[in-house]
Amino acid sequence: MFEQPLAPVGGSLAMSALTAAIPLALLFVLLGVFKIKAWKAALVGLAASVVLAIVAWQMPVGMALSATAEGAFYGAFPILWILVNAMWVYQLSVDTGWFAVLGDKIRSLSDDQRILAILIAFCFGALLESLAGFGAPVAISAAMLIAAGMKPMKAAVVSLLANTAPVAFGAMGAPIITLAAVTGIDLHTLSQMAGRQTPFVALIVPLVLVFLVDGRRGVRQTWPIALVAGATFGLAQFVTSNFITVEITDIVASISTVVVVLLMLRVWKPANPIQLHAEPLTADSDTDLTRIAGGDTLVADAVEVKTQGRLRTLGAIAPYAIIIVIFSISQLPPVKSWLLGNGMVSFRWPGLDVVSASGKPASAQTFKLDHLRATGTLLLFAGIITALVYRVSPRRMLLAYREILVKLRFTIVTVLAVLALSFVMNLSGQTASLGNALAAAGSFFVVLSPVLGWVGVAITGSDTSSNSLFGLLQVTAATKVGLDPVLMATTNSSAGVLGKMISPQNLAVAAAAVGMAGKEGDIFRKLVGWSLGLLAAFTVLVVLQASVLSWMVP
């Protein structure tokens, strides 16, 4: 048995925390400063975490390697299982020519990049987050923006930043449900508190999106619709999370916002629209139809893309409509119960026997293989149905799948290494040392609490995982220093979402989705300032809610 030490470096919690931060610092510095490719930076960070686990935290070598293997397996399933199948659905629509049709349909809604950033990245991305999460919203919304004609780098940055406001309630409320489970606080109370924090993020995000697309001029010309979108989304989040139920918060918010924005566009449009750079589906290195089909393009004989009217529209949106229908069906109580009863396999990961400093078994030792209900499995079903609708032969389906695996090869290495790093840090006690050092700051913890949530998501790429790691720690620290545990626990989740845009895992997903694998560092540099700036603003809100705005805490 291995017991995690909290202060293994010189008996000092502060020194141990600084040492624990080395793998993360290496990863981000290599990405952002030295412009090292993400897969190489991730492997360096992983190596550093393993060495520290063995040398400084005195974790047995076998356990350190077992933790590495478990993290890599988790990276493969469910994370890469989601990404690969989401990209496969996208590839099928590209290969058959329907993705070009989708681009035309999207441009018919608006030819203004700023409006499409709100409609696709913010609204539709939030709907996907509510149903799937785990990278799928970023991959799919970025691909849709490119279909409409947005340049790849801009599509990646916009999609990543938009994937903030809905994350705390994403995947049918999974982060808040997990937070309630690990802290013992009433689920509805946590849902209410989150619904009194995340709307402030939602209000700002559309304004930031139009700034990213068109700078100050974009904000000056489109602020009315950006504010309406943010306010509608935030209000819907507040009402649903406080008075209805946590599971459908983002579904209600995203659909409400789409309806309101489209209605507003009927009576008001911004001046001087930023035209799209529309050259859809050129046969470049990422969409070489001849190479994918083995010498015979799919567009020629798979589906008649010249179909006009309603059928043309239905064909263009078919993959995304299929995804939404499948995920919605999976959430119906009878179906969900059957999937939970027949599609969940739990087992203890071999080679691990770890307890925390408090003597409790580390939760990560039990691996839950949710193979039937997994987001990636549902996306696989969506891809198969899409292929049937588009009349794609089994051979061509497999060729498209192989193409995605080849295209994502470096992204796969990145995700496997980052998740392995995360598990090594968590199981060795490095993450606990880092978290406890922040929690030992006394009354100043109210300022550090959002930082802790942000760090958790930056490490794991998941708000759910961050809540599992730090949720109870937030409550314990809050109780010790006289802060409201409901506020601090929820802050871990609500502030954590601001770290998702710079998580190496999500950077890799976005880069792969826009055909820029290896350019994760470039995307990181464009987003890190916004991530830190939004975190600082959110921290001010938390400080106020802990003092003059304490009436907001349920």
Protein backbone atom coordinates (compact mmCIF):
# COMPACT_ATOMS: atom_id res chain seq x y z
CA MET A 1 0.00 0.00 0.00
CA PHE A 2 1.19 3.51 -0.86
CA GLU A 3 0.04 6.46 1.28
CA GLN A 4 0.26 9.82 -0.45
CA PRO A 5 2.53 12.27 1.42
CA LEU A 6 1.39 15.90 1.47
CA ALA A 7 4.78 17.49 2.15
CA PRO A 8 7.49 15.13 0.89
CA VAL A 9 9.93 17.85 -0.22
CA GLY A 10 11.87 19.04 2.83
CA GLY A 11 8.79 18.54 5.01
CA SER A 12 7.41 21.78 3.55
CA LEU A 13 3.96 21.95 1.98
CA ALA A 14 4.92 25.10 0.06
CA MET A 15 8.09 23.53 -1.38
CA SER A 16 6.19 20.36 -2.22
CA ALA A 17 3.52 22.37 -4.04
CA LEU A 18 6.15 24.26 -6.06
CA THR A 19 7.79 20.96 -6.96
CA ALA A 20 4.43 19.45 -7.93
CA ALA A 21 3.86 22.35 -10.32
CA ILE A 22 7.02 21.54 -12.32
CA PRO A 23 5.39 19.11 -14.82
CA LEU A 24 2.59 21.59 -15.56
CA ALA A 25 5.01 24.51 -15.81
CA LEU A 26 7.19 22.52 -18.21
CA LEU A 27 4.21 21.61 -20.34
CA PHE A 28 2.87 25.16 -20.69
CA VAL A 29 6.28 26.82 -21.07
CA LEU A 30 7.31 24.39 -23.80
CA LEU A 31 3.99 25.03 -25.56
CA GLY A 32 3.72 28.77 -25.13
CA VAL A 33 7.32 30.02 -24.98
CA PHE A 34 9.49 27.55 -26.85
CA LYS A 35 6.77 26.59 -29.36
CA ILE A 36 7.44 22.89 -28.95
CA LYS A 37 4.81 20.66 -30.55
CA ALA A 38 2.13 19.56 -28.12
CA TRP A 39 2.86 15.83 -28.29
CA LYS A 40 6.53 16.41 -27.46
CA ALA A 41 5.71 18.87 -24.65
CA ALA A 42 3.17 16.43 -23.21
CA LEU A 43 5.71 13.59 -23.19
CA VAL A 44 8.26 15.81 -21.41
CA GLY A 45 5.66 16.79 -18.79
CA LEU A 46 4.68 13.14 -18.33
CA ALA A 47 8.30 12.09 -17.85
CA ALA A 48 8.79 14.84 -15.25
CA SER A 49 5.67 13.80 -13.32
CA VAL A 50 6.74 10.14 -13.25
CA VAL A 51 10.27 11.03 -12.05
CA LEU A 52 8.87 13.29 -9.31
CA ALA A 53 6.34 10.64 -8.26
CA ILE A 54 9.11 8.07 -7.79
CA VAL A 55 11.91 10.28 -6.44
CA ALA A 56 10.12 12.98 -4.43
CA TRP A 57 6.78 11.39 -3.50
CA GLN A 58 8.38 7.95 -3.04
CA MET A 59 5.74 6.17 -5.09
CA PRO A 60 6.82 2.62 -5.96
CA VAL A 61 8.03 2.35 -9.56
CA GLY A 62 5.44 -0.31 -10.42
CA MET A 63 2.59 1.87 -9.14
CA ALA A 64 3.89 4.92 -11.01
CA LEU A 65 3.95 2.95 -14.25
CA SER A 66 0.51 1.48 -13.51
CA ALA A 67 -0.87 4.99 -12.92
CA THR A 68 0.67 6.06 -16.24
CA ALA A 69 -1.02 3.15 -18.00
CA GLU A 70 -4.40 3.88 -16.42
CA GLY A 71 -4.21 7.53 -17.43
CA ALA A 72 -3.30 6.60 -21.00
CA PHE A 73 -6.18 4.11 -21.10
CA TYR A 74 -8.57 6.81 -19.85
CA GLY A 75 -7.20 9.08 -22.56
CA ALA A 76 -8.09 6.42 -25.11
CA PHE A 77 -11.47 5.66 -23.59
CA PRO A 78 -13.52 7.77 -23.25
CA ILE A 79 -11.60 10.86 -24.48
CA LEU A 80 -10.12 9.73 -27.81
CA TRP A 81 -13.09 7.43 -28.39
CA ILE A 82 -15.21 10.60 -28.42
CA LEU A 83 -12.84 12.65 -30.57
CA VAL A 84 -12.18 9.99 -33.21
CA ASN A 85 -15.86 9.17 -33.69
CA ALA A 86 -16.90 12.85 -33.73
CA MET A 87 -14.28 13.52 -36.39
CA TRP A 88 -15.41 10.45 -38.31
CA VAL A 89 -18.96 11.78 -38.51
CA TYR A 90 -17.51 15.05 -39.78
CA GLN A 91 -15.31 13.22 -42.32
CA LEU A 92 -18.28 11.30 -43.73
CA SER A 93 -20.11 14.56 -44.42
CA VAL A 94 -16.97 16.00 -46.05
CA ASP A 95 -16.38 12.95 -48.23
CA THR A 96 -19.94 12.88 -49.53
CA GLY A 97 -20.05 16.58 -50.33
CA TRP A 98 -22.79 17.35 -47.81
CA PHE A 99 -20.42 19.40 -45.69
CA ALA A 100 -20.12 21.91 -48.52
CA VAL A 101 -23.91 22.07 -48.65
CA LEU A 102 -23.97 22.69 -44.89
CA GLY A 103 -21.59 25.59 -45.40
CA ASP A 104 -24.00 27.12 -47.90
CA LYS A 105 -26.90 26.70 -45.48
CA ILE A 106 -24.97 28.25 -42.61
CA ARG A 107 -24.02 31.23 -44.77
CA SER A 108 -27.68 31.66 -45.70
CA LEU A 109 -28.42 32.42 -42.03
CA SER A 110 -25.83 35.16 -42.02
CA ASP A 111 -22.77 36.06 -44.03
CA ASP A 112 -21.26 37.79 -41.00
CA GLN A 113 -18.50 35.89 -39.19
CA ARG A 114 -19.36 37.64 -35.92
CA ILE A 115 -22.97 36.41 -35.96
CA LEU A 116 -21.97 32.88 -36.91
CA ALA A 117 -19.46 32.80 -34.05
CA ILE A 118 -22.38 33.40 -31.69
CA LEU A 119 -24.82 31.02 -33.39
CA ILE A 120 -22.44 28.10 -33.98
CA ALA A 121 -19.67 28.26 -31.37
CA PHE A 122 -21.72 29.74 -28.51
CA CYS A 123 -25.26 28.39 -29.08
CA PHE A 124 -24.84 25.15 -31.02
CA GLY A 125 -21.61 24.38 -29.16
CA ALA A 126 -23.51 24.74 -25.88
CA LEU A 127 -26.19 22.32 -27.09
CA LEU A 128 -23.51 19.77 -27.94
CA GLU A 129 -21.87 20.38 -24.55
CA SER A 130 -25.16 19.71 -22.82
CA LEU A 131 -25.54 16.38 -24.60
CA ALA A 132 -21.98 15.14 -25.05
CA GLY A 133 -19.15 17.25 -23.66
CA PHE A 134 -15.57 15.91 -23.46
CA GLY A 135 -14.24 17.75 -26.54
CA ALA A 136 -17.04 16.94 -28.99
CA PRO A 137 -18.51 20.50 -28.95
CA VAL A 138 -15.14 22.06 -29.81
CA ALA A 139 -14.40 19.59 -32.60
CA ILE A 140 -17.82 19.83 -34.24
CA SER A 141 -18.41 23.59 -33.90
CA ALA A 142 -14.90 24.33 -35.22
CA ALA A 143 -15.57 22.10 -38.23
CA MET A 144 -18.89 23.86 -38.86
CA LEU A 145 -17.25 27.28 -38.73
CA ILE A 146 -14.72 26.15 -41.30
CA ALA A 147 -17.55 24.83 -43.46
CA ALA A 148 -19.07 28.30 -43.37
CA GLY A 149 -15.76 29.79 -44.51
CA MET A 150 -13.98 30.89 -41.32
CA LYS A 151 -10.22 30.49 -41.32
CA PRO A 152 -8.88 27.51 -39.31
CA MET A 153 -6.98 29.37 -36.57
CA LYS A 154 -9.89 31.70 -35.90
CA ALA A 155 -12.35 28.78 -35.87
CA ALA A 156 -10.23 26.93 -33.29
CA VAL A 157 -9.81 29.93 -30.99
CA VAL A 158 -13.48 30.92 -31.19
CA SER A 159 -14.70 27.37 -30.52
CA LEU A 160 -12.41 26.89 -27.53
CA LEU A 161 -13.32 30.19 -25.89
CA ALA A 162 -17.04 29.65 -26.51
CA ASN A 163 -16.80 26.31 -24.70
CA THR A 164 -16.81 27.96 -21.25
CA ALA A 165 -20.21 29.16 -20.09
CA PRO A 166 -22.03 25.83 -20.66
CA VAL A 167 -19.34 23.52 -19.23
CA ALA A 168 -20.42 23.54 -15.56
CA PHE A 169 -23.80 22.12 -16.63
CA GLY A 170 -22.41 20.04 -19.52
CA ALA A 171 -22.98 16.36 -20.24
CA MET A 172 -26.45 16.50 -18.65
CA GLY A 173 -25.18 18.20 -15.49
CA ALA A 174 -22.36 15.70 -14.85
CA PRO A 175 -19.94 18.22 -13.21
CA ILE A 176 -22.49 19.42 -10.64
CA ILE A 177 -23.80 15.91 -10.02
CA THR A 178 -20.23 14.74 -9.37
CA LEU A 179 -19.61 17.72 -7.09
CA ALA A 180 -22.66 16.82 -5.02
CA ALA A 181 -21.47 13.22 -4.75
CA VAL A 182 -17.96 14.05 -3.52
CA THR A 183 -18.94 16.87 -1.14
CA GLY A 184 -22.22 15.56 0.28
CA ILE A 185 -23.90 18.93 -0.38
CA ASP A 186 -27.45 18.87 -1.74
CA LEU A 187 -27.46 18.69 -5.55
CA HIS A 188 -30.16 21.33 -5.99
CA THR A 189 -28.31 23.75 -3.70
CA LEU A 190 -25.13 23.40 -5.77
CA SER A 191 -27.18 23.75 -8.96
CA GLN A 192 -28.71 26.98 -7.64
CA MET A 193 -25.30 28.40 -6.74
CA ALA A 194 -23.79 27.52 -10.11
CA GLY A 195 -26.79 29.18 -11.74
CA ARG A 196 -25.88 32.36 -9.88
CA GLN A 197 -22.28 32.35 -11.12
CA THR A 198 -22.07 31.01 -14.68
CA PRO A 199 -24.56 33.56 -16.13
CA PHE A 200 -21.95 36.25 -15.54
CA VAL A 201 -19.54 34.27 -17.72
CA ALA A 202 -22.25 33.77 -20.34
CA LEU A 203 -22.89 37.51 -20.47
CA ILE A 204 -19.26 38.26 -21.34
CA VAL A 205 -18.37 35.39 -23.69
CA PRO A 206 -20.32 36.54 -26.83
CA LEU A 207 -18.68 39.96 -26.56
CA VAL A 208 -15.26 38.31 -26.39
CA LEU A 209 -16.13 36.14 -29.40
CA VAL A 210 -16.98 39.11 -31.62
CA PHE A 211 -13.80 40.82 -30.41
CA LEU A 212 -11.76 37.79 -31.44
CA VAL A 213 -13.39 37.84 -34.86
CA ASP A 214 -13.30 41.58 -35.56
CA GLY A 215 -11.57 43.44 -32.73
CA ARG A 216 -12.98 46.63 -31.24
CA ARG A 217 -14.97 47.41 -34.36
CA GLY A 218 -16.75 44.06 -33.98
CA VAL A 219 -17.75 44.86 -30.41
CA ARG A 220 -18.85 48.36 -31.37
CA GLN A 221 -21.04 47.15 -34.23
CA THR A 222 -22.45 43.92 -32.80
CA TRP A 223 -22.69 44.54 -29.05
CA PRO A 224 -26.53 44.60 -29.05
CA ILE A 225 -26.89 41.06 -30.37
CA ALA A 226 -23.89 39.82 -28.36
CA LEU A 227 -25.41 41.17 -25.16
CA VAL A 228 -28.83 39.77 -26.01
CA ALA A 229 -27.30 36.34 -26.66
CA GLY A 230 -25.28 36.39 -23.42
CA ALA A 231 -28.16 37.71 -21.33
CA THR A 232 -30.64 35.18 -22.77
CA PHE A 233 -28.27 32.29 -22.17
CA GLY A 234 -27.44 33.44 -18.64
CA LEU A 235 -31.07 34.06 -17.71
CA ALA A 236 -32.10 30.64 -19.02
CA GLN A 237 -29.28 29.02 -17.04
CA PHE A 238 -30.37 30.82 -13.88
CA VAL A 239 -34.05 29.93 -14.23
CA THR A 240 -33.51 26.29 -15.20
CA SER A 241 -30.83 25.52 -12.60
CA ASN A 242 -32.67 27.29 -9.78
CA PHE A 243 -36.28 26.34 -10.47
CA ILE A 244 -36.36 23.30 -12.80
CA THR A 245 -33.50 20.77 -12.91
CA VAL A 246 -29.74 20.72 -13.40
CA GLU A 247 -29.71 18.09 -16.16
CA ILE A 248 -31.40 20.20 -18.86
CA THR A 249 -29.96 23.60 -17.95
CA ASP A 250 -27.75 23.95 -21.03
CA ILE A 251 -30.34 22.45 -23.38
CA VAL A 252 -32.87 25.11 -22.39
CA ALA A 253 -30.25 27.87 -22.45
CA SER A 254 -28.83 27.01 -25.89
CA ILE A 255 -32.18 26.55 -27.63
CA SER A 256 -33.61 29.70 -26.05
CA THR A 257 -30.60 31.70 -27.21
CA VAL A 258 -30.78 30.42 -30.80
CA VAL A 259 -34.48 31.36 -31.02
CA VAL A 260 -33.93 34.84 -29.57
CA VAL A 261 -30.89 35.58 -31.77
CA LEU A 262 -32.66 34.45 -34.97
CA LEU A 263 -35.72 36.54 -34.08
CA MET A 264 -33.52 39.57 -33.42
CA LEU A 265 -31.79 39.14 -36.79
CA ARG A 266 -35.19 39.59 -38.46
CA VAL A 267 -35.41 43.17 -37.20
CA TRP A 268 -31.77 44.16 -36.70
CA LYS A 269 -28.48 43.37 -38.39
CA PRO A 270 -25.02 44.78 -37.61
CA ALA A 271 -23.42 47.22 -40.00
CA ASN A 272 -20.44 46.30 -42.18
CA PRO A 273 -20.59 42.50 -41.85
CA ILE A 274 -17.28 40.64 -41.85
CA GLN A 275 -17.58 38.46 -44.90
CA LEU A 276 -16.62 34.80 -44.76
CA HIS A 277 -13.63 33.55 -46.70
CA ALA A 278 -15.74 30.96 -48.44
CA GLU A 279 -13.80 28.41 -50.44
CA PRO A 280 -15.53 25.29 -49.12
CA LEU A 281 -14.05 21.83 -49.60
CA THR A 282 -11.01 22.35 -51.76
CA ALA A 283 -9.13 19.09 -52.14
CA ASP A 284 -6.25 20.00 -49.85
CA SER A 285 -4.17 17.67 -47.71
CA ASP A 286 -6.94 17.38 -45.12
CA THR A 287 -9.85 16.72 -47.47
CA ASP A 288 -8.32 14.86 -50.41
CA LEU A 289 -11.38 12.97 -51.56
CA THR A 290 -9.55 10.92 -54.16
CA ARG A 291 -7.00 9.66 -51.64
CA ILE A 292 -9.65 8.86 -49.04
CA ALA A 293 -11.85 6.93 -51.42
CA GLY A 294 -9.00 4.94 -52.90
CA GLY A 295 -9.11 6.60 -56.31
CA ASP A 296 -12.85 7.16 -56.61
CA THR A 297 -14.43 10.26 -55.11
CA LEU A 298 -17.44 9.77 -52.91
CA VAL A 299 -19.21 12.90 -54.10
CA ALA A 300 -19.74 11.41 -57.54
CA ASP A 301 -21.97 8.53 -56.56
CA ALA A 302 -22.77 8.54 -52.83
CA VAL A 303 -25.54 11.13 -52.57
CA GLU A 304 -27.13 13.54 -55.02
CA VAL A 305 -26.02 16.79 -53.40
CA LYS A 306 -27.83 18.87 -55.99
CA THR A 307 -31.12 18.07 -54.30
CA GLN A 308 -33.01 21.30 -53.81
CA GLY A 309 -35.25 22.76 -51.15
CA ARG A 310 -36.14 21.03 -47.91
CA LEU A 311 -34.39 17.74 -48.72
CA ARG A 312 -31.15 19.61 -49.36
CA THR A 313 -31.41 21.26 -45.95
CA LEU A 314 -32.23 17.99 -44.21
CA GLY A 315 -29.29 16.28 -45.89
CA ALA A 316 -26.90 19.02 -44.81
CA ILE A 317 -27.91 18.94 -41.15
CA ALA A 318 -28.50 15.17 -41.01
CA PRO A 319 -25.34 14.22 -39.02
CA TYR A 320 -26.01 16.82 -36.32
CA ALA A 321 -29.72 16.09 -36.15
CA ILE A 322 -28.89 12.39 -35.80
CA ILE A 323 -26.41 13.15 -33.00
CA ILE A 324 -28.98 15.22 -31.09
CA VAL A 325 -31.71 12.57 -31.51
CA ILE A 326 -29.45 9.70 -30.38
CA PHE A 327 -28.19 11.59 -27.34
CA SER A 328 -31.69 12.71 -26.42
CA ILE A 329 -32.99 9.13 -26.63
CA SER A 330 -30.10 7.95 -24.44
CA GLN A 331 -31.28 10.31 -21.69
CA LEU A 332 -34.85 8.96 -21.60
CA PRO A 333 -35.34 7.29 -18.18
CA PRO A 334 -36.03 3.73 -19.46
CA VAL A 335 -33.17 3.85 -21.96
CA LYS A 336 -30.79 5.47 -19.48
CA SER A 337 -31.62 2.85 -16.84
CA TRP A 338 -31.03 0.01 -19.30
CA LEU A 339 -27.71 1.47 -20.44
CA LEU A 340 -26.59 1.95 -16.84
CA GLY A 341 -27.56 -1.58 -15.95
CA ASN A 342 -26.01 -3.26 -18.97
CA GLY A 343 -23.32 -0.90 -20.17
CA MET A 344 -21.19 -0.24 -17.10
CA VAL A 345 -18.19 -2.34 -16.10
CA SER A 346 -16.21 -1.35 -13.02
CA PHE A 347 -12.93 -2.95 -12.05
CA ARG A 348 -9.97 -2.19 -9.86
CA TRP A 349 -6.99 -1.10 -11.93
CA PRO A 350 -4.17 -3.64 -11.47
CA GLY A 351 -0.97 -2.66 -9.69
CA LEU A 352 -2.48 0.17 -7.61
CA ASP A 353 -3.07 0.27 -3.87
CA VAL A 354 -3.13 3.95 -2.97
CA VAL A 355 -4.65 5.84 -0.03
CA SER A 356 -4.74 9.60 0.47
CA ALA A 357 -3.02 11.40 3.33
CA SER A 358 -6.30 11.13 5.24
CA GLY A 359 -6.31 7.33 4.82
CA LYS A 360 -9.10 7.10 2.21
CA PRO A 361 -8.59 4.93 -0.89
CA ALA A 362 -7.87 6.99 -4.01
CA SER A 363 -10.97 6.94 -6.23
CA ALA A 364 -8.96 6.74 -9.47
CA GLN A 365 -7.99 3.14 -8.63
CA THR A 366 -11.44 1.98 -9.73
CA PHE A 367 -11.91 2.23 -13.49
CA LYS A 368 -15.44 2.57 -14.82
CA LEU A 369 -15.82 1.38 -18.39
CA ASP A 370 -19.13 2.87 -19.50
CA HIS A 371 -18.92 1.32 -22.96
CA LEU A 372 -22.57 1.40 -24.15
CA ARG A 373 -23.60 4.78 -22.72
CA ALA A 374 -20.27 6.43 -23.54
CA THR A 375 -20.40 9.58 -25.65
CA GLY A 376 -17.98 8.03 -28.14
CA THR A 377 -20.17 4.94 -28.58
CA LEU A 378 -23.24 7.09 -29.22
CA LEU A 379 -21.24 9.10 -31.75
CA LEU A 380 -20.20 5.82 -33.43
CA PHE A 381 -23.88 4.89 -33.77
CA ALA A 382 -24.54 8.37 -35.17
CA GLY A 383 -21.76 7.87 -37.72
CA ILE A 384 -23.14 4.50 -38.83
CA ILE A 385 -26.64 5.95 -39.28
CA THR A 386 -25.17 8.96 -41.10
CA ALA A 387 -23.32 6.62 -43.46
CA LEU A 388 -26.58 4.74 -44.16
CA VAL A 389 -28.44 7.99 -44.82
CA TYR A 390 -25.67 9.14 -47.15
CA ARG A 391 -25.44 5.68 -48.79
CA VAL A 392 -21.77 5.23 -48.03
CA SER A 393 -20.47 1.69 -48.52
CA PRO A 394 -18.84 -0.20 -45.63
CA ARG A 395 -15.47 -0.09 -47.41
CA ARG A 396 -15.62 3.67 -47.74
CA MET A 397 -16.74 4.02 -44.13
CA LEU A 398 -13.60 2.15 -43.04
CA LEU A 399 -11.38 4.19 -45.36
CA ALA A 400 -12.74 7.40 -43.84
CA TYR A 401 -12.16 6.02 -40.33
CA ARG A 402 -8.57 5.10 -41.22
CA GLU A 403 -8.05 8.59 -42.60
CA ILE A 404 -9.13 10.11 -39.29
CA LEU A 405 -6.76 7.87 -37.31
CA VAL A 406 -3.85 8.89 -39.54
CA LYS A 407 -4.75 12.56 -39.34
CA LEU A 408 -5.04 12.44 -35.54
CA ARG A 409 -1.90 10.40 -34.86
CA PHE A 410 -0.02 13.20 -33.07
CA THR A 411 -3.18 14.36 -31.30
CA ILE A 412 -3.61 10.80 -30.01
CA VAL A 413 -0.10 10.86 -28.53
CA THR A 414 -0.80 14.26 -26.93
CA VAL A 415 -4.06 13.18 -25.29
CA LEU A 416 -2.64 9.88 -24.04
CA ALA A 417 0.39 11.66 -22.51
CA VAL A 418 -1.63 14.48 -20.91
CA LEU A 419 -4.11 12.10 -19.28
CA ALA A 420 -1.27 9.84 -18.11
CA LEU A 421 0.40 12.92 -16.56
CA SER A 422 -2.88 13.81 -14.85
CA PHE A 423 -3.30 10.35 -13.33
CA VAL A 424 0.31 10.17 -12.15
CA MET A 425 -0.01 13.56 -10.44
CA ASN A 426 -3.31 12.60 -8.84
CA LEU A 427 -2.36 9.13 -7.63
CA SER A 428 1.13 10.02 -6.42
CA GLY A 429 -0.20 12.93 -4.35
CA GLN A 430 1.33 15.77 -6.38
CA THR A 431 -2.10 17.26 -7.09
CA ALA A 432 -3.08 16.95 -3.41
CA SER A 433 0.08 18.77 -2.33
CA LEU A 434 -0.67 21.56 -4.79
CA GLY A 435 -4.30 21.83 -3.68
CA ASN A 436 -3.59 21.69 0.04
CA ALA A 437 -0.95 24.40 -0.27
CA LEU A 438 -3.54 26.70 -1.81
CA ALA A 439 -6.09 25.70 0.83
CA ALA A 440 -3.63 26.62 3.61
CA ALA A 441 -3.81 30.31 2.73
CA GLY A 442 -6.34 31.21 5.43
CA SER A 443 -8.91 33.89 4.58
CA PHE A 444 -7.03 34.56 1.34
CA PHE A 445 -8.41 31.22 0.18
CA VAL A 446 -11.44 33.05 -1.19
CA VAL A 447 -9.10 34.42 -3.87
CA LEU A 448 -7.28 31.13 -4.45
CA SER A 449 -10.42 28.98 -4.62
CA PRO A 450 -11.19 29.92 -8.25
CA VAL A 451 -7.51 29.36 -9.12
CA LEU A 452 -7.73 25.84 -7.71
CA GLY A 453 -10.72 25.02 -9.91
CA TRP A 454 -8.97 26.57 -12.91
CA VAL A 455 -5.84 24.48 -12.28
CA GLY A 456 -7.93 21.31 -11.95
CA VAL A 457 -9.55 21.74 -15.37
CA ALA A 458 -6.28 22.87 -16.97
CA ILE A 459 -4.68 19.63 -15.77
CA THR A 460 -7.48 17.19 -16.58
CA GLY A 461 -9.38 18.97 -19.37
CA SER A 462 -12.62 18.12 -17.55
CA ASP A 463 -14.75 20.10 -15.10
CA THR A 464 -16.17 16.80 -13.84
CA SER A 465 -12.68 15.47 -13.08
CA SER A 466 -11.66 18.74 -11.41
CA ASN A 467 -14.71 18.56 -9.14
CA SER A 468 -13.84 15.00 -8.27
CA LEU A 469 -10.27 16.03 -7.42
CA PHE A 470 -10.80 19.29 -5.54
CA GLY A 471 -14.49 19.50 -4.59
CA LEU A 472 -14.12 18.06 -1.08
CA LEU A 473 -10.86 19.95 -0.58
CA GLN A 474 -12.69 23.21 -1.31
CA VAL A 475 -15.36 22.40 1.27
CA THR A 476 -12.81 21.38 3.91
CA ALA A 477 -10.73 24.51 3.42
CA ALA A 478 -13.82 26.75 3.42
CA THR A 479 -15.02 25.27 6.72
CA LYS A 480 -11.61 25.79 8.34
CA VAL A 481 -11.39 29.48 7.42
CA GLY A 482 -15.06 30.38 7.94
CA LEU A 483 -16.16 30.65 4.29
CA ASP A 484 -19.41 29.27 2.91
CA PRO A 485 -18.75 25.69 1.72
CA VAL A 486 -21.54 25.89 -0.89
CA LEU A 487 -19.91 28.95 -2.45
CA MET A 488 -16.41 27.49 -2.48
CA ALA A 489 -17.47 24.08 -3.77
CA THR A 490 -19.46 25.61 -6.62
CA THR A 491 -16.65 28.04 -7.40
CA ASN A 492 -14.41 25.05 -8.12
CA SER A 493 -16.77 24.09 -10.94
CA SER A 494 -17.77 27.53 -12.21
CA ALA A 495 -14.24 28.97 -12.27
CA GLY A 496 -12.80 25.72 -13.54
CA VAL A 497 -14.50 26.12 -16.91
CA LEU A 498 -12.19 29.06 -17.67
CA GLY A 499 -9.22 26.70 -17.67
CA LYS A 500 -10.72 24.38 -20.27
CA MET A 501 -9.76 26.54 -23.25
CA ILE A 502 -6.03 26.13 -22.48
CA SER A 503 -6.06 22.51 -21.35
CA PRO A 504 -3.57 20.64 -23.56
CA GLN A 505 -6.17 17.95 -24.13
CA ASN A 506 -8.68 20.44 -25.55
CA LEU A 507 -6.02 22.35 -27.48
CA ALA A 508 -5.15 19.08 -29.20
CA VAL A 509 -8.82 18.43 -30.02
CA ALA A 510 -9.27 21.91 -31.53
CA ALA A 511 -6.03 21.75 -33.50
CA ALA A 512 -6.99 18.37 -34.95
CA ALA A 513 -10.50 19.54 -35.82
CA VAL A 514 -9.21 22.44 -37.96
CA GLY A 515 -6.30 20.56 -39.54
CA MET A 516 -3.61 22.31 -37.49
CA ALA A 517 -2.15 19.40 -35.51
CA GLY A 518 1.22 20.50 -34.15
CA LYS A 519 0.11 24.14 -33.85
CA GLU A 520 -1.37 23.79 -30.36
CA GLY A 521 1.19 26.24 -28.98
CA ASP A 522 0.01 28.95 -31.38
CA ILE A 523 -3.59 28.45 -30.28
CA PHE A 524 -2.50 28.43 -26.61
CA ARG A 525 -0.77 31.81 -26.93
CA LYS A 526 -3.91 33.36 -28.40
CA LEU A 527 -6.08 32.09 -25.54
CA VAL A 528 -3.99 32.12 -22.36
CA GLY A 529 -4.47 35.87 -21.82
CA TRP A 530 -8.23 35.56 -22.14
CA SER A 531 -8.30 32.57 -19.81
CA LEU A 532 -6.37 34.42 -17.10
CA GLY A 533 -8.29 37.66 -17.63
CA LEU A 534 -11.67 35.98 -17.32
CA LEU A 535 -10.40 34.10 -14.25
CA ALA A 536 -9.39 37.39 -12.62
CA ALA A 537 -12.81 38.90 -13.33
CA PHE A 538 -14.57 35.81 -12.00
CA THR A 539 -12.44 35.90 -8.85
CA VAL A 540 -13.74 39.41 -8.15
CA LEU A 541 -17.30 38.04 -8.38
CA VAL A 542 -16.47 35.24 -5.91
CA VAL A 543 -14.91 37.70 -3.44
CA LEU A 544 -18.05 39.83 -3.64
CA GLN A 545 -20.30 36.79 -3.19
CA ALA A 546 -18.31 35.91 -0.07
CA SER A 547 -18.92 39.39 1.36
CA VAL A 548 -21.33 42.08 0.15
CA LEU A 549 -23.19 39.74 -2.21
CA SER A 550 -23.51 36.88 0.27
CA TRP A 551 -27.29 37.05 -0.18
CA MET A 552 -26.72 35.32 -3.54
CA VAL A 553 -25.57 32.12 -1.81
CA PRO A 554 -28.54 29.73 -1.30
